[in-house]
Amino acid sequence: MAFKLKMDDQGRVVLNDNKPVYIDDEGKEMSFDANEAWNKYHTLNEENKKRRLQVEELSAKYKPFEGLDPEVVKKHAEIAEKFKEHEAIKNGEIEKLKNELSATSEKKIKEWEQKYNQLRETAEQKERRLNEEINNSILDTMFNQSEFVKKSVEMPVRALKALFANRFRIDPETRKAYAVDDEGNPMLSENKIGAVASFEEAIELLVRRDPDRDNILKSSGAPGGGMQRNGKGLSNADEAYLNDPNVSPVDKQKFLRKRQLI
């Protein structure tokens, strides 16, 4: 997907809320704070890379020394000295020392394996969390900067994202968002045959195909608009917003007052 700046008749960059307006291959416009988006993505990606390198470094560092410990080496030296003692051989101490050496080595090996596995599991958990933060940041940007959402959607952007976020995936290589159909396959464009739908086209298709679209889209002024649910005028999207633990009670009250439900 290529973007170009929108210019006015005098060759100046068109701004929206002090942000440059870009035009994609499909001719759709969106304003985008490139510095903020890139800085956040770069910071999260660098932290993700740093954690991964730490795991690889620890793995390479400790691999050759699995099962070794200074105390074990010292113990082995003491055992070697005892081998020199004739009385130890006579009393069967040799066999006892062999068993002790074997048990000590196995115990240390297990301890090192446990430590290594714990470090790897912790690093993997941190990497997953970082990837989730990056993906959420990308989706937040796409939903907030969408021209269709700004012009046509009535409900709060956070509620819209809670309703449709599960229909989007983030490509781990390109870090670009794409929508999936009911079977989990990439959603195809209706404008470009054989191409994957852009975010703008995908979110518009998802909204307009939703049974509760009348409660999502801005009112056209026609009578009878809106779908009533539970006798309260709440749609699935409204309920998702009100049940979102990240939405403050104050925002929920404002939302209900706007819907004239309280």
C-alpha atoms as a PDB file:
ATOM      1  CA  MET A   1       0.000   0.000   0.000  1.00  0.00           C
ATOM      2  CA  ALA A   2       1.515   3.313  -1.103  1.00  0.00           C
ATOM      3  CA  PHE A   3       0.579   6.711   0.298  1.00  0.00           C
ATOM      4  CA  LYS A   4       1.122  10.201  -1.055  1.00  0.00           C
ATOM      5  CA  LEU A   5       0.559  13.625   0.431  1.00  0.00           C
ATOM      6  CA  LYS A   6      -2.577  15.504  -0.551  1.00  0.00           C
ATOM      7  CA  MET A   7      -1.745  18.906  -2.044  1.00  0.00           C
ATOM      8  CA  ASP A   8      -4.034  21.882  -2.606  1.00  0.00           C
ATOM      9  CA  ASP A   9      -4.213  23.941  -5.826  1.00  0.00           C
ATOM     10  CA  GLN A  10      -1.247  26.045  -4.697  1.00  0.00           C
ATOM     11  CA  GLY A  11       0.976  23.022  -4.108  1.00  0.00           C
ATOM     12  CA  ARG A  12       0.746  23.155  -0.313  1.00  0.00           C
ATOM     13  CA  VAL A  13       0.226  20.138   1.924  1.00  0.00           C
ATOM     14  CA  VAL A  14      -3.365  19.761   3.135  1.00  0.00           C
ATOM     15  CA  LEU A  15      -3.608  19.489   6.941  1.00  0.00           C
ATOM     16  CA  ASN A  16      -6.287  18.022   9.188  1.00  0.00           C
ATOM     17  CA  ASP A  17      -5.942  18.873  12.904  1.00  0.00           C
ATOM     18  CA  ASN A  18      -2.364  19.960  12.125  1.00  0.00           C
ATOM     19  CA  LYS A  19      -1.615  16.534  10.675  1.00  0.00           C
ATOM     20  CA  PRO A  20      -0.784  15.961   6.998  1.00  0.00           C
ATOM     21  CA  VAL A  21      -3.430  14.235   4.933  1.00  0.00           C
ATOM     22  CA  TYR A  22      -2.352  11.199   2.906  1.00  0.00           C
ATOM     23  CA  ILE A  23      -4.090   9.534  -0.040  1.00  0.00           C
ATOM     24  CA  ASP A  24      -3.811   5.759  -0.546  1.00  0.00           C
ATOM     25  CA  ASP A  25      -3.883   3.763  -3.784  1.00  0.00           C
ATOM     26  CA  GLU A  26      -7.678   3.703  -3.676  1.00  0.00           C
ATOM     27  CA  GLY A  27      -7.999   7.461  -3.449  1.00  0.00           C
ATOM     28  CA  LYS A  28      -9.152   7.436   0.157  1.00  0.00           C
ATOM     29  CA  GLU A  29      -7.814  10.068   2.531  1.00  0.00           C
ATOM     30  CA  MET A  30      -6.526   9.799   6.062  1.00  0.00           C
ATOM     31  CA  SER A  31      -4.560  12.072   8.369  1.00  0.00           C
ATOM     32  CA  PHE A  32      -1.631  10.450  10.088  1.00  0.00           C
ATOM     33  CA  ASP A  33       0.835  11.484  12.779  1.00  0.00           C
ATOM     34  CA  ALA A  34       3.816   9.681  11.293  1.00  0.00           C
ATOM     35  CA  ASN A  35       6.323  10.676  14.007  1.00  0.00           C
ATOM     36  CA  GLU A  36       4.153   9.506  16.887  1.00  0.00           C
ATOM     37  CA  ALA A  37       3.212   6.228  15.203  1.00  0.00           C
ATOM     38  CA  TRP A  38       6.782   5.435  14.159  1.00  0.00           C
ATOM     39  CA  ASN A  39       8.323   6.359  17.513  1.00  0.00           C
ATOM     40  CA  LYS A  40       5.905   4.132  19.398  1.00  0.00           C
ATOM     41  CA  TYR A  41       6.362   1.254  16.974  1.00  0.00           C
ATOM     42  CA  HIS A  42      10.146   1.681  16.977  1.00  0.00           C
ATOM     43  CA  THR A  43      10.321   1.761  20.793  1.00  0.00           C
ATOM     44  CA  LEU A  44       8.218  -1.370  21.224  1.00  0.00           C
ATOM     45  CA  ASN A  45      10.029  -3.201  18.443  1.00  0.00           C
ATOM     46  CA  GLU A  46      13.469  -2.361  19.885  1.00  0.00           C
ATOM     47  CA  GLU A  47      12.409  -3.572  23.325  1.00  0.00           C
ATOM     48  CA  ASN A  48      11.085  -6.763  21.780  1.00  0.00           C
ATOM     49  CA  LYS A  49      14.384  -7.283  19.949  1.00  0.00           C
ATOM     50  CA  LYS A  50      16.375  -6.568  23.133  1.00  0.00           C
ATOM     51  CA  ARG A  51      14.448  -9.203  25.107  1.00  0.00           C
ATOM     52  CA  ARG A  52      14.917 -11.776  22.377  1.00  0.00           C
ATOM     53  CA  LEU A  53      18.674 -11.116  22.205  1.00  0.00           C
ATOM     54  CA  GLN A  54      18.926 -11.457  25.986  1.00  0.00           C
ATOM     55  CA  VAL A  55      17.359 -14.905  25.830  1.00  0.00           C
ATOM     56  CA  GLU A  56      19.674 -15.980  23.012  1.00  0.00           C
ATOM     57  CA  GLU A  57      22.694 -14.611  24.888  1.00  0.00           C
ATOM     58  CA  LEU A  58      21.782 -16.419  28.101  1.00  0.00           C
ATOM     59  CA  SER A  59      21.159 -19.637  26.185  1.00  0.00           C
ATOM     60  CA  ALA A  60      24.554 -19.466  24.449  1.00  0.00           C
ATOM     61  CA  LYS A  61      26.330 -18.461  27.658  1.00  0.00           C
ATOM     62  CA  TYR A  62      25.027 -21.233  29.895  1.00  0.00           C
ATOM     63  CA  LYS A  63      24.765 -24.067  27.372  1.00  0.00           C
ATOM     64  CA  PRO A  64      28.442 -25.184  27.625  1.00  0.00           C
ATOM     65  CA  PHE A  65      28.283 -25.130  31.446  1.00  0.00           C
ATOM     66  CA  GLU A  66      25.104 -27.086  32.026  1.00  0.00           C
ATOM     67  CA  GLY A  67      25.573 -29.307  35.070  1.00  0.00           C
ATOM     68  CA  LEU A  68      28.773 -27.580  36.217  1.00  0.00           C
ATOM     69  CA  ASP A  69      29.181 -25.704  39.477  1.00  0.00           C
ATOM     70  CA  PRO A  70      32.274 -24.527  41.417  1.00  0.00           C
ATOM     71  CA  GLU A  71      31.170 -26.498  44.447  1.00  0.00           C
ATOM     72  CA  VAL A  72      30.795 -29.627  42.335  1.00  0.00           C
ATOM     73  CA  VAL A  73      34.309 -29.183  40.903  1.00  0.00           C
ATOM     74  CA  LYS A  74      35.662 -28.791  44.424  1.00  0.00           C
ATOM     75  CA  LYS A  75      33.830 -31.904  45.502  1.00  0.00           C
ATOM     76  CA  HIS A  76      35.304 -33.843  42.590  1.00  0.00           C
ATOM     77  CA  ALA A  77      38.809 -32.783  43.643  1.00  0.00           C
ATOM     78  CA  GLU A  78      38.162 -34.035  47.154  1.00  0.00           C
ATOM     79  CA  ILE A  79      36.917 -37.325  45.763  1.00  0.00           C
ATOM     80  CA  ALA A  80      40.053 -37.679  43.632  1.00  0.00           C
ATOM     81  CA  GLU A  81      42.194 -37.308  46.722  1.00  0.00           C
ATOM     82  CA  LYS A  82      40.224 -39.968  48.473  1.00  0.00           C
ATOM     83  CA  PHE A  83      40.865 -42.371  45.615  1.00  0.00           C
ATOM     84  CA  LYS A  84      44.512 -42.264  46.619  1.00  0.00           C
ATOM     85  CA  GLU A  85      43.804 -43.555  50.067  1.00  0.00           C
ATOM     86  CA  HIS A  86      44.285 -47.293  50.425  1.00  0.00           C
ATOM     87  CA  GLU A  87      41.882 -47.573  53.359  1.00  0.00           C
ATOM     88  CA  ALA A  88      39.049 -46.133  51.257  1.00  0.00           C
ATOM     89  CA  ILE A  89      39.516 -48.933  48.747  1.00  0.00           C
ATOM     90  CA  LYS A  90      39.601 -51.588  51.476  1.00  0.00           C
ATOM     91  CA  ASN A  91      36.409 -50.347  53.138  1.00  0.00           C
ATOM     92  CA  GLY A  92      34.441 -50.047  49.908  1.00  0.00           C
ATOM     93  CA  GLU A  93      34.445 -46.249  50.092  1.00  0.00           C
ATOM     94  CA  ILE A  94      35.141 -46.043  46.348  1.00  0.00           C
ATOM     95  CA  GLU A  95      31.682 -47.294  45.401  1.00  0.00           C
ATOM     96  CA  LYS A  96      30.100 -44.930  47.882  1.00  0.00           C
ATOM     97  CA  LEU A  97      31.996 -41.972  46.418  1.00  0.00           C
ATOM     98  CA  LYS A  98      30.997 -42.949  42.878  1.00  0.00           C
ATOM     99  CA  ASN A  99      27.348 -42.958  43.854  1.00  0.00           C
ATOM    100  CA  GLU A 100      27.702 -39.627  45.606  1.00  0.00           C
ATOM    101  CA  LEU A 101      29.396 -38.088  42.569  1.00  0.00           C
ATOM    102  CA  SER A 102      26.696 -39.377  40.228  1.00  0.00           C
ATOM    103  CA  ALA A 103      23.852 -38.116  42.425  1.00  0.00           C
ATOM    104  CA  THR A 104      25.460 -34.681  42.841  1.00  0.00           C
ATOM    105  CA  SER A 105      26.031 -34.262  39.084  1.00  0.00           C
ATOM    106  CA  GLU A 106      22.474 -35.258  38.187  1.00  0.00           C
ATOM    107  CA  LYS A 107      21.055 -32.850  40.753  1.00  0.00           C
ATOM    108  CA  LYS A 108      23.091 -29.922  39.419  1.00  0.00           C
ATOM    109  CA  ILE A 109      22.164 -30.724  35.835  1.00  0.00           C
ATOM    110  CA  LYS A 110      18.476 -30.667  36.734  1.00  0.00           C
ATOM    111  CA  GLU A 111      18.904 -27.373  38.586  1.00  0.00           C
ATOM    112  CA  TRP A 112      20.549 -25.749  35.553  1.00  0.00           C
ATOM    113  CA  GLU A 113      17.870 -27.120  33.223  1.00  0.00           C
ATOM    114  CA  GLN A 114      15.163 -25.706  35.492  1.00  0.00           C
ATOM    115  CA  LYS A 115      16.818 -22.274  35.603  1.00  0.00           C
ATOM    116  CA  TYR A 116      17.252 -22.231  31.823  1.00  0.00           C
ATOM    117  CA  ASN A 117      13.619 -23.208  31.209  1.00  0.00           C
ATOM    118  CA  GLN A 118      12.405 -20.523  33.616  1.00  0.00           C
ATOM    119  CA  LEU A 119      14.460 -17.864  31.846  1.00  0.00           C
ATOM    120  CA  ARG A 120      13.199 -18.970  28.447  1.00  0.00           C
ATOM    121  CA  GLU A 121       9.558 -19.048  29.589  1.00  0.00           C
ATOM    122  CA  THR A 122       9.829 -15.571  31.135  1.00  0.00           C
ATOM    123  CA  ALA A 123      11.389 -14.152  27.976  1.00  0.00           C
ATOM    124  CA  GLU A 124       8.698 -15.737  25.785  1.00  0.00           C
ATOM    125  CA  GLN A 125       5.950 -14.275  27.982  1.00  0.00           C
ATOM    126  CA  LYS A 126       7.504 -10.808  27.739  1.00  0.00           C
ATOM    127  CA  GLU A 127       7.823 -11.170  23.961  1.00  0.00           C
ATOM    128  CA  ARG A 128       4.149 -12.126  23.675  1.00  0.00           C
ATOM    129  CA  ARG A 129       3.118  -9.119  25.767  1.00  0.00           C
ATOM    130  CA  LEU A 130       5.241  -6.783  23.668  1.00  0.00           C
ATOM    131  CA  ASN A 131       3.721  -8.167  20.454  1.00  0.00           C
ATOM    132  CA  GLU A 132       0.231  -7.647  21.882  1.00  0.00           C
ATOM    133  CA  GLU A 133       1.093  -4.052  22.792  1.00  0.00           C
ATOM    134  CA  ILE A 134       2.465  -3.402  19.303  1.00  0.00           C
ATOM    135  CA  ASN A 135      -0.590  -4.953  17.627  1.00  0.00           C
ATOM    136  CA  ASN A 136      -3.006  -3.015  19.850  1.00  0.00           C
ATOM    137  CA  SER A 137      -1.138   0.202  19.105  1.00  0.00           C
ATOM    138  CA  ILE A 138      -1.374  -0.427  15.362  1.00  0.00           C
ATOM    139  CA  LEU A 139      -5.110  -1.184  15.538  1.00  0.00           C
ATOM    140  CA  ASP A 140      -5.718   1.875  17.749  1.00  0.00           C
ATOM    141  CA  THR A 141      -4.024   4.052  15.135  1.00  0.00           C
ATOM    142  CA  MET A 142      -5.992   2.511  12.250  1.00  0.00           C
ATOM    143  CA  PHE A 143      -9.370   2.886  13.984  1.00  0.00           C
ATOM    144  CA  ASN A 144      -8.643   6.431  15.196  1.00  0.00           C
ATOM    145  CA  GLN A 145      -7.359   7.646  11.812  1.00  0.00           C
ATOM    146  CA  SER A 146     -10.044   5.968   9.666  1.00  0.00           C
ATOM    147  CA  GLU A 147     -11.953   8.484   7.551  1.00  0.00           C
ATOM    148  CA  PHE A 148     -14.949   6.152   7.368  1.00  0.00           C
ATOM    149  CA  VAL A 149     -15.087   5.916  11.164  1.00  0.00           C
ATOM    150  CA  LYS A 150     -14.773   9.697  11.546  1.00  0.00           C
ATOM    151  CA  LYS A 151     -17.450  10.534   8.995  1.00  0.00           C
ATOM    152  CA  SER A 152     -19.959   7.698   9.293  1.00  0.00           C
ATOM    153  CA  VAL A 153     -19.738   6.009  12.712  1.00  0.00           C
ATOM    154  CA  GLU A 154     -21.793   7.273  15.654  1.00  0.00           C
ATOM    155  CA  MET A 155     -20.505   5.058  18.476  1.00  0.00           C
ATOM    156  CA  PRO A 156     -17.191   5.722  20.324  1.00  0.00           C
ATOM    157  CA  VAL A 157     -14.094   4.472  18.528  1.00  0.00           C
ATOM    158  CA  ARG A 158     -13.123   2.343  21.548  1.00  0.00           C
ATOM    159  CA  ALA A 159     -16.482   0.559  21.407  1.00  0.00           C
ATOM    160  CA  LEU A 160     -16.151   0.027  17.659  1.00  0.00           C
ATOM    161  CA  LYS A 161     -12.684  -1.461  18.150  1.00  0.00           C
ATOM    162  CA  ALA A 162     -13.943  -3.758  20.936  1.00  0.00           C
ATOM    163  CA  LEU A 163     -16.670  -4.994  18.578  1.00  0.00           C
ATOM    164  CA  PHE A 164     -14.531  -5.635  15.489  1.00  0.00           C
ATOM    165  CA  ALA A 165     -10.916  -6.043  16.712  1.00  0.00           C
ATOM    166  CA  ASN A 166     -11.258  -9.840  16.620  1.00  0.00           C
ATOM    167  CA  ARG A 167     -11.858  -9.596  12.860  1.00  0.00           C
ATOM    168  CA  PHE A 168      -8.407  -8.114  12.228  1.00  0.00           C
ATOM    169  CA  ARG A 169      -4.951  -9.641  12.222  1.00  0.00           C
ATOM    170  CA  ILE A 170      -1.492  -8.038  12.190  1.00  0.00           C
ATOM    171  CA  ASP A 171       1.090  -9.410   9.755  1.00  0.00           C
ATOM    172  CA  PRO A 172       4.168 -10.168  11.960  1.00  0.00           C
ATOM    173  CA  GLU A 173       6.566  -9.285   9.142  1.00  0.00           C
ATOM    174  CA  THR A 174       5.031  -6.090   7.690  1.00  0.00           C
ATOM    175  CA  ARG A 175       3.122  -5.024  10.855  1.00  0.00           C
ATOM    176  CA  LYS A 176       0.102  -4.168   8.657  1.00  0.00           C
ATOM    177  CA  ALA A 177      -3.507  -4.834   9.657  1.00  0.00           C
ATOM    178  CA  TYR A 178      -5.841  -6.929   7.518  1.00  0.00           C
ATOM    179  CA  ALA A 179      -9.354  -8.263   8.067  1.00  0.00           C
ATOM    180  CA  VAL A 180     -10.460 -11.904   7.967  1.00  0.00           C
ATOM    181  CA  ASP A 181     -13.762 -13.418   6.899  1.00  0.00           C
ATOM    182  CA  ASP A 182     -15.945 -15.806   8.929  1.00  0.00           C
ATOM    183  CA  GLU A 183     -13.611 -18.707   8.049  1.00  0.00           C
ATOM    184  CA  GLY A 184     -10.453 -16.886   9.118  1.00  0.00           C
ATOM    185  CA  ASN A 185      -9.222 -16.187   5.581  1.00  0.00           C
ATOM    186  CA  PRO A 186      -8.039 -12.707   4.500  1.00  0.00           C
ATOM    187  CA  MET A 187     -11.041 -10.606   3.463  1.00  0.00           C
ATOM    188  CA  LEU A 188     -11.006  -9.899  -0.268  1.00  0.00           C
ATOM    189  CA  SER A 189     -11.673  -6.488  -1.753  1.00  0.00           C
ATOM    190  CA  GLU A 190     -14.902  -5.796  -3.583  1.00  0.00           C
ATOM    191  CA  ASN A 191     -13.210  -3.028  -5.554  1.00  0.00           C
ATOM    192  CA  LYS A 192     -10.049  -4.847  -6.635  1.00  0.00           C
ATOM    193  CA  ILE A 193     -10.665  -8.404  -7.766  1.00  0.00           C
ATOM    194  CA  GLY A 194      -8.288 -10.865  -6.122  1.00  0.00           C
ATOM    195  CA  ALA A 195      -6.725  -8.282  -3.795  1.00  0.00           C
ATOM    196  CA  VAL A 196      -6.975  -8.233  -0.005  1.00  0.00           C
ATOM    197  CA  ALA A 197      -9.273  -5.492   1.273  1.00  0.00           C
ATOM    198  CA  SER A 198      -7.577  -2.448   2.786  1.00  0.00           C
ATOM    199  CA  PHE A 199      -8.355  -1.494   6.377  1.00  0.00           C
ATOM    200  CA  GLU A 200     -10.701   1.298   5.240  1.00  0.00           C
ATOM    201  CA  GLU A 201     -12.674  -0.969   2.938  1.00  0.00           C
ATOM    202  CA  ALA A 202     -12.703  -3.829   5.445  1.00  0.00           C
ATOM    203  CA  ILE A 203     -14.047  -1.799   8.380  1.00  0.00           C
ATOM    204  CA  GLU A 204     -16.736  -0.282   6.158  1.00  0.00           C
ATOM    205  CA  LEU A 205     -17.792  -3.726   4.900  1.00  0.00           C
ATOM    206  CA  LEU A 206     -17.849  -5.169   8.433  1.00  0.00           C
ATOM    207  CA  VAL A 207     -19.962  -2.322   9.765  1.00  0.00           C
ATOM    208  CA  ARG A 208     -22.445  -2.278   6.905  1.00  0.00           C
ATOM    209  CA  ARG A 209     -22.881  -6.061   7.066  1.00  0.00           C
ATOM    210  CA  ASP A 210     -23.457  -6.056  10.833  1.00  0.00           C
ATOM    211  CA  PRO A 211     -27.091  -6.637  11.948  1.00  0.00           C
ATOM    212  CA  ASP A 212     -26.741  -3.721  14.393  1.00  0.00           C
ATOM    213  CA  ARG A 213     -25.374  -1.303  11.799  1.00  0.00           C
ATOM    214  CA  ASP A 214     -28.209   1.172  12.454  1.00  0.00           C
ATOM    215  CA  ASN A 215     -26.879   1.627  15.994  1.00  0.00           C
ATOM    216  CA  ILE A 216     -23.290   1.923  14.758  1.00  0.00           C
ATOM    217  CA  LEU A 217     -23.688   4.344  11.861  1.00  0.00           C
ATOM    218  CA  LYS A 218     -24.688   7.957  12.226  1.00  0.00           C
ATOM    219  CA  SER A 219     -28.418   8.564  11.734  1.00  0.00           C
ATOM    220  CA  SER A 220     -29.485   9.524   8.231  1.00  0.00           C
ATOM    221  CA  GLY A 221     -32.575  11.296   9.562  1.00  0.00           C
ATOM    222  CA  ALA A 222     -34.971   8.642   8.258  1.00  0.00           C
ATOM    223  CA  PRO A 223     -37.783   7.567  10.669  1.00  0.00           C
ATOM    224  CA  GLY A 224     -37.623   4.214  12.375  1.00  0.00           C
ATOM    225  CA  GLY A 225     -33.815   4.086  12.518  1.00  0.00           C
ATOM    226  CA  GLY A 226     -32.039   2.080  15.178  1.00  0.00           C
ATOM    227  CA  MET A 227     -32.444  -1.427  16.506  1.00  0.00           C
ATOM    228  CA  GLN A 228     -33.768  -1.962  20.035  1.00  0.00           C
ATOM    229  CA  ARG A 229     -32.240  -4.675  22.212  1.00  0.00           C
ATOM    230  CA  ASN A 230     -33.365  -5.820  25.654  1.00  0.00           C
ATOM    231  CA  GLY A 231     -35.953  -3.016  25.628  1.00  0.00           C
ATOM    232  CA  LYS A 232     -33.141  -0.546  26.395  1.00  0.00           C
ATOM    233  CA  GLY A 233     -32.051   0.581  22.959  1.00  0.00           C
ATOM    234  CA  LEU A 234     -28.698  -1.208  23.398  1.00  0.00           C
ATOM    235  CA  SER A 235     -26.978  -2.998  20.533  1.00  0.00           C
ATOM    236  CA  ASN A 236     -24.288  -5.657  20.815  1.00  0.00           C
ATOM    237  CA  ALA A 237     -21.741  -2.908  20.188  1.00  0.00           C
ATOM    238  CA  ASP A 238     -23.232  -0.747  22.979  1.00  0.00           C
ATOM    239  CA  GLU A 239     -23.105  -3.658  25.418  1.00  0.00           C
ATOM    240  CA  ALA A 240     -19.502  -4.413  24.447  1.00  0.00           C
ATOM    241  CA  TYR A 241     -18.554  -0.812  25.212  1.00  0.00           C
ATOM    242  CA  LEU A 242     -20.401  -0.745  28.545  1.00  0.00           C
ATOM    243  CA  ASN A 243     -18.842  -4.073  29.609  1.00  0.00           C
ATOM    244  CA  ASP A 244     -15.313  -2.982  28.667  1.00  0.00           C
ATOM    245  CA  PRO A 245     -13.325  -2.828  31.967  1.00  0.00           C
ATOM    246  CA  ASN A 246     -11.020  -0.209  30.421  1.00  0.00           C
ATOM    247  CA  VAL A 247     -13.891   2.293  30.064  1.00  0.00           C
ATOM    248  CA  SER A 248     -14.272   4.511  33.127  1.00  0.00           C
ATOM    249  CA  PRO A 249     -17.632   4.785  34.951  1.00  0.00           C
ATOM    250  CA  VAL A 250     -17.762   8.476  34.018  1.00  0.00           C
ATOM    251  CA  ASP A 251     -17.463   7.691  30.298  1.00  0.00           C
ATOM    252  CA  LYS A 252     -20.139   5.015  30.633  1.00  0.00           C
ATOM    253  CA  GLN A 253     -22.494   7.520  32.263  1.00  0.00           C
ATOM    254  CA  LYS A 254     -21.861  10.015  29.465  1.00  0.00           C
ATOM    255  CA  PHE A 255     -22.533   7.296  26.914  1.00  0.00           C
ATOM    256  CA  LEU A 256     -25.860   6.336  28.537  1.00  0.00           C
ATOM    257  CA  ARG A 257     -26.929   9.961  28.765  1.00  0.00           C
ATOM    258  CA  LYS A 258     -26.126  10.410  25.090  1.00  0.00           C
ATOM    259  CA  ARG A 259     -28.315   7.412  24.327  1.00  0.00           C
ATOM    260  CA  GLN A 260     -30.987   8.969  26.581  1.00  0.00           C
ATOM    261  CA  LEU A 261     -31.128   5.800  28.671  1.00  0.00           C
ATOM    262  CA  ILE A 262     -30.673   7.550  32.011  1.00  0.00           C
END
